[in-house]
Protein backbone atom coordinates (compact mmCIF):
# COMPACT_ATOMS: atom_id res chain seq x y z
CA MET A 1 0.00 0.00 0.00
CA MET A 2 2.82 2.41 0.81
CA ASN A 3 4.45 1.73 -2.57
CA ARG A 4 1.25 2.69 -4.39
CA THR A 5 0.89 5.81 -2.26
CA GLN A 6 4.49 6.83 -2.99
CA HIS A 7 3.94 6.21 -6.71
CA VAL A 8 0.96 8.60 -6.71
CA SER A 9 2.99 11.13 -4.69
CA ILE A 10 5.73 11.09 -7.34
CA GLN A 11 3.13 11.57 -10.09
CA MET A 12 1.59 14.51 -8.22
CA GLY A 13 5.03 16.00 -7.57
CA SER A 14 5.59 16.24 -11.32
CA ILE A 15 2.73 18.76 -11.64
CA ASP A 16 3.88 22.39 -11.94
CA GLN A 17 1.21 23.64 -9.53
CA LEU A 18 -1.20 21.57 -7.44
CA THR A 19 -4.72 22.73 -8.26
CA PRO A 20 -7.99 20.80 -8.18
CA ASN A 21 -7.99 20.55 -11.99
CA SER A 22 -4.33 19.53 -12.41
CA VAL A 23 -4.56 16.96 -9.61
CA ALA A 24 -7.81 15.49 -10.98
CA ASP A 25 -6.25 15.16 -14.45
CA VAL A 26 -3.37 13.10 -13.05
CA ALA A 27 -5.53 11.11 -10.60
CA LEU A 28 -8.03 10.13 -13.28
CA GLY A 29 -5.15 8.85 -15.42
CA LEU A 30 -3.90 6.49 -12.72
CA THR A 31 -4.74 2.85 -13.20
CA ARG A 32 -4.79 -0.11 -10.85
CA ILE A 33 -4.31 1.73 -7.59
CA ASN A 34 -7.22 -0.26 -6.12
CA VAL A 35 -8.11 1.80 -3.06
CA THR A 36 -11.39 2.61 -1.35
CA GLN A 37 -10.64 6.33 -1.29
CA LEU A 38 -7.87 8.55 -2.68
CA ILE A 39 -7.50 12.07 -1.30
CA ILE A 40 -4.98 14.69 -2.40
CA THR A 41 -4.39 17.79 -0.26
CA ASP A 42 -2.33 20.93 -0.58
CA LYS A 43 0.32 21.92 1.99
CA THR A 44 -2.33 23.34 4.33
CA GLY A 45 -4.39 20.14 4.36
CA ALA A 46 -7.14 21.51 2.09
CA VAL A 47 -8.70 18.88 -0.20
CA LEU A 48 -7.75 19.19 -3.88
CA TYR A 49 -9.19 15.83 -4.95
CA CYS A 50 -11.35 13.11 -3.41
CA SER A 51 -11.97 10.00 -5.50
CA ASP A 52 -15.38 9.17 -4.05
CA GLY A 53 -16.70 12.73 -3.67
CA ALA A 54 -17.19 12.33 0.09
CA LEU A 55 -15.12 15.48 0.72
CA SER A 56 -15.56 18.89 -0.89
CA ILE A 57 -12.76 20.63 -2.77
CA GLY A 58 -11.21 23.15 -0.39
CA GLU A 59 -12.48 21.34 2.70
CA GLN A 60 -9.88 21.45 5.47
CA LEU A 61 -8.97 17.97 6.70
CA ASN A 62 -8.55 17.46 10.39
CA LYS A 63 -7.19 13.91 10.37
CA PRO A 64 -4.82 12.44 12.93
CA TYR A 65 -1.26 12.29 11.58
CA LEU A 66 -1.96 14.59 8.59
CA GLN A 67 0.31 17.32 9.93
CA GLN A 68 3.14 14.80 10.33
CA ALA A 69 2.71 13.74 6.69
CA LEU A 70 2.68 17.39 5.60
CA ASN A 71 5.95 17.79 7.52
CA GLY A 72 7.59 15.07 5.42
CA TYR A 73 6.80 11.79 7.18
CA ASP A 74 5.29 8.67 5.59
CA ILE A 75 2.38 7.45 7.73
CA PHE A 76 0.61 4.10 7.89
CA ASN A 77 -2.23 3.38 10.27
CA TRP A 78 -4.95 0.74 10.54
CA ASP A 79 -7.84 -0.23 12.73
CA TYR A 80 -10.19 -3.17 13.05
CA HIS A 81 -13.78 -2.70 14.11
CA SER A 82 -16.86 -4.91 13.72
CA GLY A 83 -15.09 -7.31 11.35
CA LEU A 84 -13.76 -4.59 9.03
CA MET A 85 -10.10 -3.64 8.71
CA ARG A 86 -9.46 -0.13 7.44
CA SER A 87 -5.96 0.92 6.40
CA GLU A 88 -4.73 4.47 5.91
CA ALA A 89 -1.51 5.58 4.22
CA MET A 90 -0.30 9.19 3.96
CA VAL A 91 2.73 10.28 1.95
CA PRO A 92 3.89 13.85 1.34
CA ILE A 93 4.04 15.29 -2.17
CA TYR A 94 7.38 16.97 -2.77
CA LYS A 95 8.41 19.81 -5.04
CA GLY A 96 12.18 19.70 -4.79
CA THR A 97 12.87 19.18 -1.10
CA GLN A 98 9.71 20.87 0.19
CA PRO A 99 6.46 19.05 0.98
CA VAL A 100 3.67 20.78 -0.98
CA GLY A 101 0.78 18.43 -0.27
CA CYS A 102 -0.22 14.93 0.73
CA VAL A 103 -1.56 11.74 -0.86
CA ILE A 104 -3.94 9.78 1.36
CA PHE A 105 -5.10 6.23 0.57
CA TYR A 106 -7.83 4.36 2.42
CA THR A 107 -8.65 0.69 1.91
CA SER A 108 -11.25 -1.43 3.65
CA LEU A 109 -11.19 -5.21 3.86
């Protein structure tokens, strides 16, 4: 899961400027990432893209660990509740050496 998240981060890092339109263009071109939800944020944690439409563009995420990911750390977390395992991976998007956003993957099994 982390490898797929890092792959998307590299793809997003190749964009000149992260905007909802530029991020959506790249995200829609990705194949076989096989996740329940893909979220892309800017460096402030504002949503630029949400694959399932559950979050609005510009909505500020207040997720545990997001600030750590925006500070350059790769994050993996999971929980198990009522027979469902949900995994979460967060990887920063870099422009040069500076984190400029975050890729968030969710999967449910």
